[in-house]
PDB file of N, CA and C in Angstrom:
ATOM      1  N   MET A   1      76.838 146.701 120.815  1.00  0.00           N
ATOM      2  CA  MET A   1      78.059 145.908 120.673  1.00  0.00           C
ATOM      3  C   MET A   1      78.827 145.943 121.979  1.00  0.00           C
ATOM      4  N   ARG A   2      79.467 144.771 122.294  1.00  0.00           N
ATOM      5  CA  ARG A   2      80.043 144.601 123.501  1.00  0.00           C
ATOM      6  C   ARG A   2      81.658 144.597 123.260  1.00  0.00           C
ATOM      7  N   THR A   3      82.437 145.172 124.320  1.00  0.00           N
ATOM      8  CA  THR A   3      83.839 145.050 124.218  1.00  0.00           C
ATOM      9  C   THR A   3      84.363 143.844 124.841  1.00  0.00           C
ATOM     10  N   GLN A   4      85.484 143.467 124.267  1.00  0.00           N
ATOM     11  CA  GLN A   4      86.191 142.302 124.755  1.00  0.00           C
ATOM     12  C   GLN A   4      87.168 142.765 125.908  1.00  0.00           C
ATOM     13  N   LEU A   5      87.612 141.788 126.776  1.00  0.00           N
ATOM     14  CA  LEU A   5      88.564 142.265 127.759  1.00  0.00           C
ATOM     15  C   LEU A   5      89.663 141.149 127.959  1.00  0.00           C
ATOM     16  N   VAL A   6      90.719 141.533 128.672  1.00  0.00           N
ATOM     17  CA  VAL A   6      91.751 140.619 128.912  1.00  0.00           C
ATOM     18  C   VAL A   6      91.390 140.011 130.344  1.00  0.00           C
ATOM     19  N   CYS A   7      91.355 138.701 130.392  1.00  0.00           N
ATOM     20  CA  CYS A   7      91.252 137.945 131.636  1.00  0.00           C
ATOM     21  C   CYS A   7      92.222 136.843 131.701  1.00  0.00           C
ATOM     22  N   PHE A   8      93.188 136.992 132.659  1.00  0.00           N
ATOM     23  CA  PHE A   8      94.338 136.133 132.792  1.00  0.00           C
ATOM     24  C   PHE A   8      93.920 134.776 133.517  1.00  0.00           C
ATOM     25  N   ASP A   9      92.805 134.799 134.204  1.00  0.00           N
ATOM     26  CA  ASP A   9      92.355 133.628 134.834  1.00  0.00           C
ATOM     27  C   ASP A   9      91.584 132.671 134.054  1.00  0.00           C
ATOM     28  N   ASN A  10      90.614 133.209 133.271  1.00  0.00           N
ATOM     29  CA  ASN A  10      89.691 132.425 132.572  1.00  0.00           C
ATOM     30  C   ASN A  10      89.619 132.684 131.153  1.00  0.00           C
ATOM     31  N   GLY A  11      90.276 133.716 130.621  1.00  0.00           N
ATOM     32  CA  GLY A  11      90.224 133.966 129.168  1.00  0.00           C
ATOM     33  C   GLY A  11      91.150 133.081 128.198  1.00  0.00           C
ATOM     34  N   LYS A  12      90.770 133.085 127.058  1.00  0.00           N
ATOM     35  CA  LYS A  12      91.537 132.348 125.979  1.00  0.00           C
ATOM     36  C   LYS A  12      92.731 133.092 125.641  1.00  0.00           C
ATOM     37  N   SER A  13      93.860 132.383 125.303  1.00  0.00           N
ATOM     38  CA  SER A  13      95.127 132.989 125.047  1.00  0.00           C
ATOM     39  C   SER A  13      94.960 133.640 123.719  1.00  0.00           C
ATOM     40  N   ALA A  14      95.762 134.834 123.499  1.00  0.00           N
ATOM     41  CA  ALA A  14      95.753 135.405 122.239  1.00  0.00           C
ATOM     42  C   ALA A  14      97.212 136.005 122.008  1.00  0.00           C
ATOM     43  N   PHE A  15      97.672 135.867 120.847  1.00  0.00           N
ATOM     44  CA  PHE A  15      99.067 136.324 120.526  1.00  0.00           C
ATOM     45  C   PHE A  15      99.157 137.152 119.226  1.00  0.00           C
ATOM     46  N   THR A  16      99.770 138.326 119.324  1.00  0.00           N
ATOM     47  CA  THR A  16      99.912 139.188 118.202  1.00  0.00           C
ATOM     48  C   THR A  16     101.339 139.654 117.959  1.00  0.00           C
ATOM     49  N   LYS A  17     101.842 139.529 116.829  1.00  0.00           N
ATOM     50  CA  LYS A  17     103.167 139.971 116.464  1.00  0.00           C
ATOM     51  C   LYS A  17     102.974 141.401 115.871  1.00  0.00           C
ATOM     52  N   TRP A  18     103.802 142.351 116.004  1.00  0.00           N
ATOM     53  CA  TRP A  18     103.612 143.636 115.567  1.00  0.00           C
ATOM     54  C   TRP A  18     104.941 144.248 115.192  1.00  0.00           C
ATOM     55  N   ASN A  19     104.923 145.340 114.315  1.00  0.00           N
ATOM     56  CA  ASN A  19     106.128 146.027 113.891  1.00  0.00           C
ATOM     57  C   ASN A  19     105.797 147.433 113.630  1.00  0.00           C
ATOM     58  N   ILE A  20     106.348 148.453 114.302  1.00  0.00           N
ATOM     59  CA  ILE A  20     106.185 149.797 114.079  1.00  0.00           C
ATOM     60  C   ILE A  20     107.016 150.311 112.824  1.00  0.00           C
ATOM     61  N   ILE A  21     106.299 150.708 111.779  1.00  0.00           N
ATOM     62  CA  ILE A  21     106.873 151.030 110.531  1.00  0.00           C
ATOM     63  C   ILE A  21     107.042 152.712 110.375  1.00  0.00           C
ATOM     64  N   GLU A  22     106.175 153.375 111.181  1.00  0.00           N
ATOM     65  CA  GLU A  22     106.335 154.795 110.942  1.00  0.00           C
ATOM     66  C   GLU A  22     105.914 155.413 112.324  1.00  0.00           C
ATOM     67  N   ARG A  23     106.525 156.403 112.773  1.00  0.00           N
ATOM     68  CA  ARG A  23     106.160 157.053 114.123  1.00  0.00           C
ATOM     69  C   ARG A  23     106.184 158.560 113.879  1.00  0.00           C
ATOM     70  N   THR A  24     105.171 159.299 114.317  1.00  0.00           N
ATOM     71  CA  THR A  24     105.158 160.802 114.342  1.00  0.00           C
ATOM     72  C   THR A  24     104.864 161.133 115.933  1.00  0.00           C
ATOM     73  N   SER A  25     104.797 162.452 116.061  1.00  0.00           N
ATOM     74  CA  SER A  25     104.545 162.912 117.427  1.00  0.00           C
ATOM     75  C   SER A  25     102.966 162.577 117.789  1.00  0.00           C
ATOM     76  N   LEU A  26     102.145 162.429 116.769  1.00  0.00           N
ATOM     77  CA  LEU A  26     100.726 162.221 117.117  1.00  0.00           C
ATOM     78  C   LEU A  26     100.284 160.708 116.907  1.00  0.00           C
ATOM     79  N   GLN A  27     100.946 160.014 115.853  1.00  0.00           N
ATOM     80  CA  GLN A  27     100.396 158.721 115.527  1.00  0.00           C
ATOM     81  C   GLN A  27     101.530 157.732 115.113  1.00  0.00           C
ATOM     82  N   SER A  28     101.268 156.485 115.202  1.00  0.00           N
ATOM     83  CA  SER A  28     102.268 155.406 114.746  1.00  0.00           C
ATOM     84  C   SER A  28     101.554 154.554 113.686  1.00  0.00           C
ATOM     85  N   LYS A  29     102.258 154.136 112.611  1.00  0.00           N
ATOM     86  CA  LYS A  29     101.809 153.114 111.615  1.00  0.00           C
ATOM     87  C   LYS A  29     102.272 151.905 112.067  1.00  0.00           C
ATOM     88  N   ILE A  30     101.498 150.814 112.367  1.00  0.00           N
ATOM     89  CA  ILE A  30     101.912 149.547 112.873  1.00  0.00           C
ATOM     90  C   ILE A  30     101.320 148.413 111.981  1.00  0.00           C
ATOM     91  N   LEU A  31     102.269 147.523 111.685  1.00  0.00           N
ATOM     92  CA  LEU A  31     101.732 146.242 111.050  1.00  0.00           C
ATOM     93  C   LEU A  31     101.462 145.257 112.171  1.00  0.00           C
ATOM     94  N   PHE A  32     100.374 144.633 112.168  1.00  0.00           N
ATOM     95  CA  PHE A  32      99.904 143.636 113.093  1.00  0.00           C
ATOM     96  C   PHE A  32      99.881 142.291 112.309  1.00  0.00           C
ATOM     97  N   TYR A  33     100.285 141.282 113.045  1.00  0.00           N
ATOM     98  CA  TYR A  33     100.226 139.902 112.577  1.00  0.00           C
ATOM     99  C   TYR A  33      99.504 138.978 113.611  1.00  0.00           C
ATOM    100  N   PRO A  34      98.180 139.000 113.593  1.00  0.00           N
ATOM    101  CA  PRO A  34      97.413 138.192 114.657  1.00  0.00           C
ATOM    102  C   PRO A  34      97.702 136.731 114.367  1.00  0.00           C
ATOM    103  N   VAL A  35      98.162 136.099 115.519  1.00  0.00           N
ATOM    104  CA  VAL A  35      98.562 134.651 115.342  1.00  0.00           C
ATOM    105  C   VAL A  35      97.302 133.793 115.757  1.00  0.00           C
ATOM    106  N   SER A  36      96.575 134.334 116.772  1.00  0.00           N
ATOM    107  CA  SER A  36      95.511 133.477 117.292  1.00  0.00           C
ATOM    108  C   SER A  36      94.106 133.801 116.706  1.00  0.00           C
ATOM    109  N   GLY A  37      93.874 134.996 116.335  1.00  0.00           N
ATOM    110  CA  GLY A  37      92.619 135.372 115.595  1.00  0.00           C
ATOM    111  C   GLY A  37      91.404 135.434 116.516  1.00  0.00           C
ATOM    112  N   ARG A  38      91.547 136.176 117.702  1.00  0.00           N
ATOM    113  CA  ARG A  38      90.380 136.127 118.617  1.00  0.00           C
ATOM    114  C   ARG A  38      89.558 137.424 118.309  1.00  0.00           C
ATOM    115  N   THR A  39      88.291 137.580 118.722  1.00  0.00           N
ATOM    116  CA  THR A  39      87.507 138.539 118.454  1.00  0.00           C
ATOM    117  C   THR A  39      88.053 139.905 118.974  1.00  0.00           C
ATOM    118  N   HIS A  40      88.060 141.022 118.204  1.00  0.00           N
ATOM    119  CA  HIS A  40      88.667 142.218 118.612  1.00  0.00           C
ATOM    120  C   HIS A  40      90.140 142.269 119.077  1.00  0.00           C
ATOM    121  N   GLN A  41      90.817 141.159 118.789  1.00  0.00           N
ATOM    122  CA  GLN A  41      92.203 140.875 119.337  1.00  0.00           C
ATOM    123  C   GLN A  41      93.156 142.193 119.148  1.00  0.00           C
ATOM    124  N   LEU A  42      93.241 142.713 117.952  1.00  0.00           N
ATOM    125  CA  LEU A  42      94.192 143.766 117.752  1.00  0.00           C
ATOM    126  C   LEU A  42      93.683 145.042 118.553  1.00  0.00           C
ATOM    127  N   ARG A  43      92.532 145.285 118.582  1.00  0.00           N
ATOM    128  CA  ARG A  43      91.991 146.501 119.366  1.00  0.00           C
ATOM    129  C   ARG A  43      92.179 146.270 120.863  1.00  0.00           C
ATOM    130  N   VAL A  44      91.955 145.061 121.354  1.00  0.00           N
ATOM    131  CA  VAL A  44      92.294 144.800 122.813  1.00  0.00           C
ATOM    132  C   VAL A  44      93.826 144.878 123.097  1.00  0.00           C
ATOM    133  N   HIS A  45      94.506 144.310 122.241  1.00  0.00           N
ATOM    134  CA  HIS A  45      96.104 144.374 122.489  1.00  0.00           C
ATOM    135  C   HIS A  45      96.594 145.692 122.427  1.00  0.00           C
ATOM    136  N   THR A  46      95.998 146.558 121.558  1.00  0.00           N
ATOM    137  CA  THR A  46      96.617 147.913 121.550  1.00  0.00           C
ATOM    138  C   THR A  46      96.035 148.742 122.688  1.00  0.00           C
ATOM    139  N   ALA A  47      94.764 148.669 123.034  1.00  0.00           N
ATOM    140  CA  ALA A  47      94.309 149.531 123.995  1.00  0.00           C
ATOM    141  C   ALA A  47      94.582 149.063 125.570  1.00  0.00           C
ATOM    142  N   HIS A  48      94.989 147.794 125.774  1.00  0.00           N
ATOM    143  CA  HIS A  48      95.302 147.399 127.101  1.00  0.00           C
ATOM    144  C   HIS A  48      96.628 147.977 127.633  1.00  0.00           C
ATOM    145  N   PRO A  49      96.550 148.406 128.921  1.00  0.00           N
ATOM    146  CA  PRO A  49      97.891 149.018 129.542  1.00  0.00           C
ATOM    147  C   PRO A  49      99.060 148.012 129.487  1.00  0.00           C
ATOM    148  N   LEU A  50      98.834 146.661 129.489  1.00  0.00           N
ATOM    149  CA  LEU A  50      99.939 145.736 129.407  1.00  0.00           C
ATOM    150  C   LEU A  50     100.266 145.481 127.951  1.00  0.00           C
ATOM    151  N   GLY A  51      99.513 145.963 127.026  1.00  0.00           N
ATOM    152  CA  GLY A  51      99.844 145.866 125.532  1.00  0.00           C
ATOM    153  C   GLY A  51     100.594 146.990 125.168  1.00  0.00           C
ATOM    154  N   LEU A  52     100.299 147.523 123.902  1.00  0.00           N
ATOM    155  CA  LEU A  52     100.938 148.691 123.366  1.00  0.00           C
ATOM    156  C   LEU A  52     100.538 149.988 124.033  1.00  0.00           C
ATOM    157  N   ASN A  53      99.292 149.946 124.579  1.00  0.00           N
ATOM    158  CA  ASN A  53      98.812 150.982 125.419  1.00  0.00           C
ATOM    159  C   ASN A  53      97.973 152.109 124.520  1.00  0.00           C
ATOM    160  N   PRO A  54      98.535 152.480 123.378  1.00  0.00           N
ATOM    161  CA  PRO A  54      97.622 153.451 122.577  1.00  0.00           C
ATOM    162  C   PRO A  54      96.481 152.707 121.945  1.00  0.00           C
ATOM    163  N   THR A  55      95.525 153.386 121.491  1.00  0.00           N
ATOM    164  CA  THR A  55      94.335 152.704 120.829  1.00  0.00           C
ATOM    165  C   THR A  55      94.463 152.849 119.336  1.00  0.00           C
ATOM    166  N   ILE A  56      93.739 151.991 118.661  1.00  0.00           N
ATOM    167  CA  ILE A  56      93.678 152.121 117.287  1.00  0.00           C
ATOM    168  C   ILE A  56      92.603 153.186 116.979  1.00  0.00           C
ATOM    169  N   VAL A  57      92.985 154.117 116.099  1.00  0.00           N
ATOM    170  CA  VAL A  57      92.096 155.300 115.617  1.00  0.00           C
ATOM    171  C   VAL A  57      90.909 154.535 114.971  1.00  0.00           C
ATOM    172  N   ASP A  58      89.653 154.907 115.319  1.00  0.00           N
ATOM    173  CA  ASP A  58      88.373 154.430 114.751  1.00  0.00           C
ATOM    174  C   ASP A  58      88.056 153.147 115.457  1.00  0.00           C
ATOM    175  N   ALA A  59      88.452 153.026 116.686  1.00  0.00           N
ATOM    176  CA  ALA A  59      88.021 151.856 117.474  1.00  0.00           C
ATOM    177  C   ALA A  59      87.274 152.479 118.619  1.00  0.00           C
ATOM    178  N   PRO A  60      86.093 152.980 118.524  1.00  0.00           N
ATOM    179  CA  PRO A  60      85.403 153.824 119.549  1.00  0.00           C
ATOM    180  C   PRO A  60      85.030 153.075 120.853  1.00  0.00           C
ATOM    181  N   LEU A  61      84.802 151.665 120.663  1.00  0.00           N
ATOM    182  CA  LEU A  61      84.604 150.992 121.894  1.00  0.00           C
ATOM    183  C   LEU A  61      85.901 150.846 122.767  1.00  0.00           C
ATOM    184  N   TYR A  62      87.016 151.034 122.157  1.00  0.00           N
ATOM    185  CA  TYR A  62      88.292 150.977 122.885  1.00  0.00           C
ATOM    186  C   TYR A  62      89.002 152.168 123.065  1.00  0.00           C
ATOM    187  N   GLY A  63      88.550 153.218 122.345  1.00  0.00           N
ATOM    188  CA  GLY A  63      89.336 154.485 122.427  1.00  0.00           C
ATOM    189  C   GLY A  63      88.848 155.589 121.586  1.00  0.00           C
ATOM    190  N   LEU A  64      89.491 155.862 120.477  1.00  0.00           N
ATOM    191  CA  LEU A  64      89.263 157.081 119.627  1.00  0.00           C
ATOM    192  C   LEU A  64      88.357 156.931 118.394  1.00  0.00           C
ATOM    193  N   LYS A  65      87.475 157.782 118.194  1.00  0.00           N
ATOM    194  CA  LYS A  65      86.621 157.839 117.052  1.00  0.00           C
ATOM    195  C   LYS A  65      87.287 158.627 115.960  1.00  0.00           C
ATOM    196  N   ALA A  66      87.247 158.217 114.705  1.00  0.00           N
ATOM    197  CA  ALA A  66      87.775 158.839 113.446  1.00  0.00           C
ATOM    198  C   ALA A  66      86.701 159.018 112.364  1.00  0.00           C
ATOM    199  N   ASP A  67      87.107 159.830 111.345  1.00  0.00           N
ATOM    200  CA  ASP A  67      86.157 159.907 110.204  1.00  0.00           C
ATOM    201  C   ASP A  67      86.240 158.769 109.258  1.00  0.00           C
ATOM    202  N   ARG A  68      87.211 157.856 109.422  1.00  0.00           N
ATOM    203  CA  ARG A  68      87.342 156.774 108.562  1.00  0.00           C
ATOM    204  C   ARG A  68      87.899 155.665 109.137  1.00  0.00           C
ATOM    205  N   LEU A  69      87.818 154.503 108.503  1.00  0.00           N
ATOM    206  CA  LEU A  69      88.469 153.288 109.164  1.00  0.00           C
ATOM    207  C   LEU A  69      89.971 153.179 109.086  1.00  0.00           C
ATOM    208  N   MET A  70      90.591 153.021 110.143  1.00  0.00           N
ATOM    209  CA  MET A  70      92.112 153.062 110.258  1.00  0.00           C
ATOM    210  C   MET A  70      92.737 151.680 110.283  1.00  0.00           C
ATOM    211  N   LEU A  71      91.915 150.674 110.451  1.00  0.00           N
ATOM    212  CA  LEU A  71      92.424 149.266 110.535  1.00  0.00           C
ATOM    213  C   LEU A  71      91.834 148.443 109.367  1.00  0.00           C
ATOM    214  N   HIS A  72      92.722 147.917 108.578  1.00  0.00           N
ATOM    215  CA  HIS A  72      92.290 147.032 107.460  1.00  0.00           C
ATOM    216  C   HIS A  72      93.270 146.000 107.245  1.00  0.00           C
ATOM    217  N   ALA A  73      92.830 144.875 106.699  1.00  0.00           N
ATOM    218  CA  ALA A  73      93.774 143.729 106.341  1.00  0.00           C
ATOM    219  C   ALA A  73      94.545 144.094 105.158  1.00  0.00           C
ATOM    220  N   GLU A  74      95.892 143.640 105.193  1.00  0.00           N
ATOM    221  CA  GLU A  74      96.574 143.805 103.984  1.00  0.00           C
ATOM    222  C   GLU A  74      96.399 142.618 103.049  1.00  0.00           C
ATOM    223  N   GLU A  75      96.088 141.487 103.630  1.00  0.00           N
ATOM    224  CA  GLU A  75      95.864 140.281 102.837  1.00  0.00           C
ATOM    225  C   GLU A  75      94.827 139.336 103.706  1.00  0.00           C
ATOM    226  N   ILE A  76      93.866 138.833 103.079  1.00  0.00           N
ATOM    227  CA  ILE A  76      93.040 137.833 103.715  1.00  0.00           C
ATOM    228  C   ILE A  76      92.700 136.639 102.753  1.00  0.00           C
ATOM    229  N   THR A  77      92.610 135.543 103.293  1.00  0.00           N
ATOM    230  CA  THR A  77      92.300 134.257 102.472  1.00  0.00           C
ATOM    231  C   THR A  77      91.332 133.480 103.249  1.00  0.00           C
ATOM    232  N   PHE A  78      90.315 132.920 102.548  1.00  0.00           N
ATOM    233  CA  PHE A  78      89.356 132.128 103.120  1.00  0.00           C
ATOM    234  C   PHE A  78      88.824 131.191 102.144  1.00  0.00           C
ATOM    235  N   VAL A  79      87.997 130.174 102.578  1.00  0.00           N
ATOM    236  CA  VAL A  79      87.301 129.255 101.669  1.00  0.00           C
ATOM    237  C   VAL A  79      85.921 129.713 101.422  1.00  0.00           C
ATOM    238  N   HIS A  80      85.450 129.900 100.157  1.00  0.00           N
ATOM    239  CA  HIS A  80      84.175 130.335  99.932  1.00  0.00           C
ATOM    240  C   HIS A  80      83.171 129.283 100.418  1.00  0.00           C
ATOM    241  N   PRO A  81      82.150 129.727 101.248  1.00  0.00           N
ATOM    242  CA  PRO A  81      81.159 128.865 101.712  1.00  0.00           C
ATOM    243  C   PRO A  81      80.317 128.035 100.705  1.00  0.00           C
ATOM    244  N   PHE A  82      80.053 128.507  99.548  1.00  0.00           N
ATOM    245  CA  PHE A  82      79.330 127.714  98.479  1.00  0.00           C
ATOM    246  C   PHE A  82      80.168 126.915  97.538  1.00  0.00           C
ATOM    247  N   THR A  83      81.193 127.646  96.976  1.00  0.00           N
ATOM    248  CA  THR A  83      82.010 127.004  96.095  1.00  0.00           C
ATOM    249  C   THR A  83      83.111 126.124  96.627  1.00  0.00           C
ATOM    250  N   GLN A  84      83.499 126.378  97.813  1.00  0.00           N
ATOM    251  CA  GLN A  84      84.517 125.685  98.514  1.00  0.00           C
ATOM    252  C   GLN A  84      85.967 126.069  97.954  1.00  0.00           C
ATOM    253  N   LYS A  85      85.871 127.087  97.072  1.00  0.00           N
ATOM    254  CA  LYS A  85      87.317 127.454  96.495  1.00  0.00           C
ATOM    255  C   LYS A  85      87.996 128.394  97.457  1.00  0.00           C
ATOM    256  N   ARG A  86      89.285 128.364  97.442  1.00  0.00           N
ATOM    257  CA  ARG A  86      90.097 129.211  98.317  1.00  0.00           C
ATOM    258  C   ARG A  86      90.059 130.607  97.582  1.00  0.00           C
ATOM    259  N   ILE A  87      89.845 131.706  98.403  1.00  0.00           N
ATOM    260  CA  ILE A  87      89.790 132.951  97.775  1.00  0.00           C
ATOM    261  C   ILE A  87      90.831 133.887  98.653  1.00  0.00           C
ATOM    262  N   ASN A  88      91.603 134.736  97.778  1.00  0.00           N
ATOM    263  CA  ASN A  88      92.631 135.544  98.419  1.00  0.00           C
ATOM    264  C   ASN A  88      92.404 136.946  97.933  1.00  0.00           C
ATOM    265  N   PHE A  89      92.386 137.876  98.868  1.00  0.00           N
ATOM    266  CA  PHE A  89      92.373 139.274  98.604  1.00  0.00           C
ATOM    267  C   PHE A  89      93.551 139.934  99.177  1.00  0.00           C
ATOM    268  N   LYS A  90      94.332 140.819  98.331  1.00  0.00           N
ATOM    269  CA  LYS A  90      95.499 141.411  98.769  1.00  0.00           C
ATOM    270  C   LYS A  90      95.510 142.940  98.527  1.00  0.00           C
ATOM    271  N   CYS A  91      95.866 143.792  99.501  1.00  0.00           N
ATOM    272  CA  CYS A  91      95.886 145.235  99.314  1.00  0.00           C
ATOM    273  C   CYS A  91      97.269 145.489  98.571  1.00  0.00           C
ATOM    274  N   TRP A  92      97.172 146.318  97.539  1.00  0.00           N
ATOM    275  CA  TRP A  92      98.390 146.574  96.833  1.00  0.00           C
ATOM    276  C   TRP A  92      99.037 147.942  97.277  1.00  0.00           C
ATOM    277  N   ALA A  93      98.516 148.507  98.352  1.00  0.00           N
ATOM    278  CA  ALA A  93      99.061 149.748  98.827  1.00  0.00           C
ATOM    279  C   ALA A  93     100.546 149.396  99.445  1.00  0.00           C
ATOM    280  N   GLU A  94     101.446 150.218  99.273  1.00  0.00           N
ATOM    281  CA  GLU A  94     102.825 150.048  99.912  1.00  0.00           C
ATOM    282  C   GLU A  94     102.834 150.636 101.340  1.00  0.00           C
ATOM    283  N   PHE A  95     103.329 149.871 102.288  1.00  0.00           N
ATOM    284  CA  PHE A  95     103.449 150.288 103.564  1.00  0.00           C
ATOM    285  C   PHE A  95     104.811 150.728 103.816  1.00  0.00           C
TER     286      PHE A  95
END
């Protein structure tokens, strides 16, 4: 697997909105709202020194390894490739 990087000269633009909802001395819980949807966008934006700078836990290409996945979608919607029906999944966990 290859890491993605920030390239101001030739790279595609990417924009992420974010909101810190909980902070401890060791970790923060952050809601991310990717606007552009680039490959590894959230991981790159958190790991880059000009971004948030900490890494997402369990993003070993960009920082820390963990025992479980620490990044997941709260909601995702897509068009099913065979039925062409719109499908929506939503996490019911409270943040």
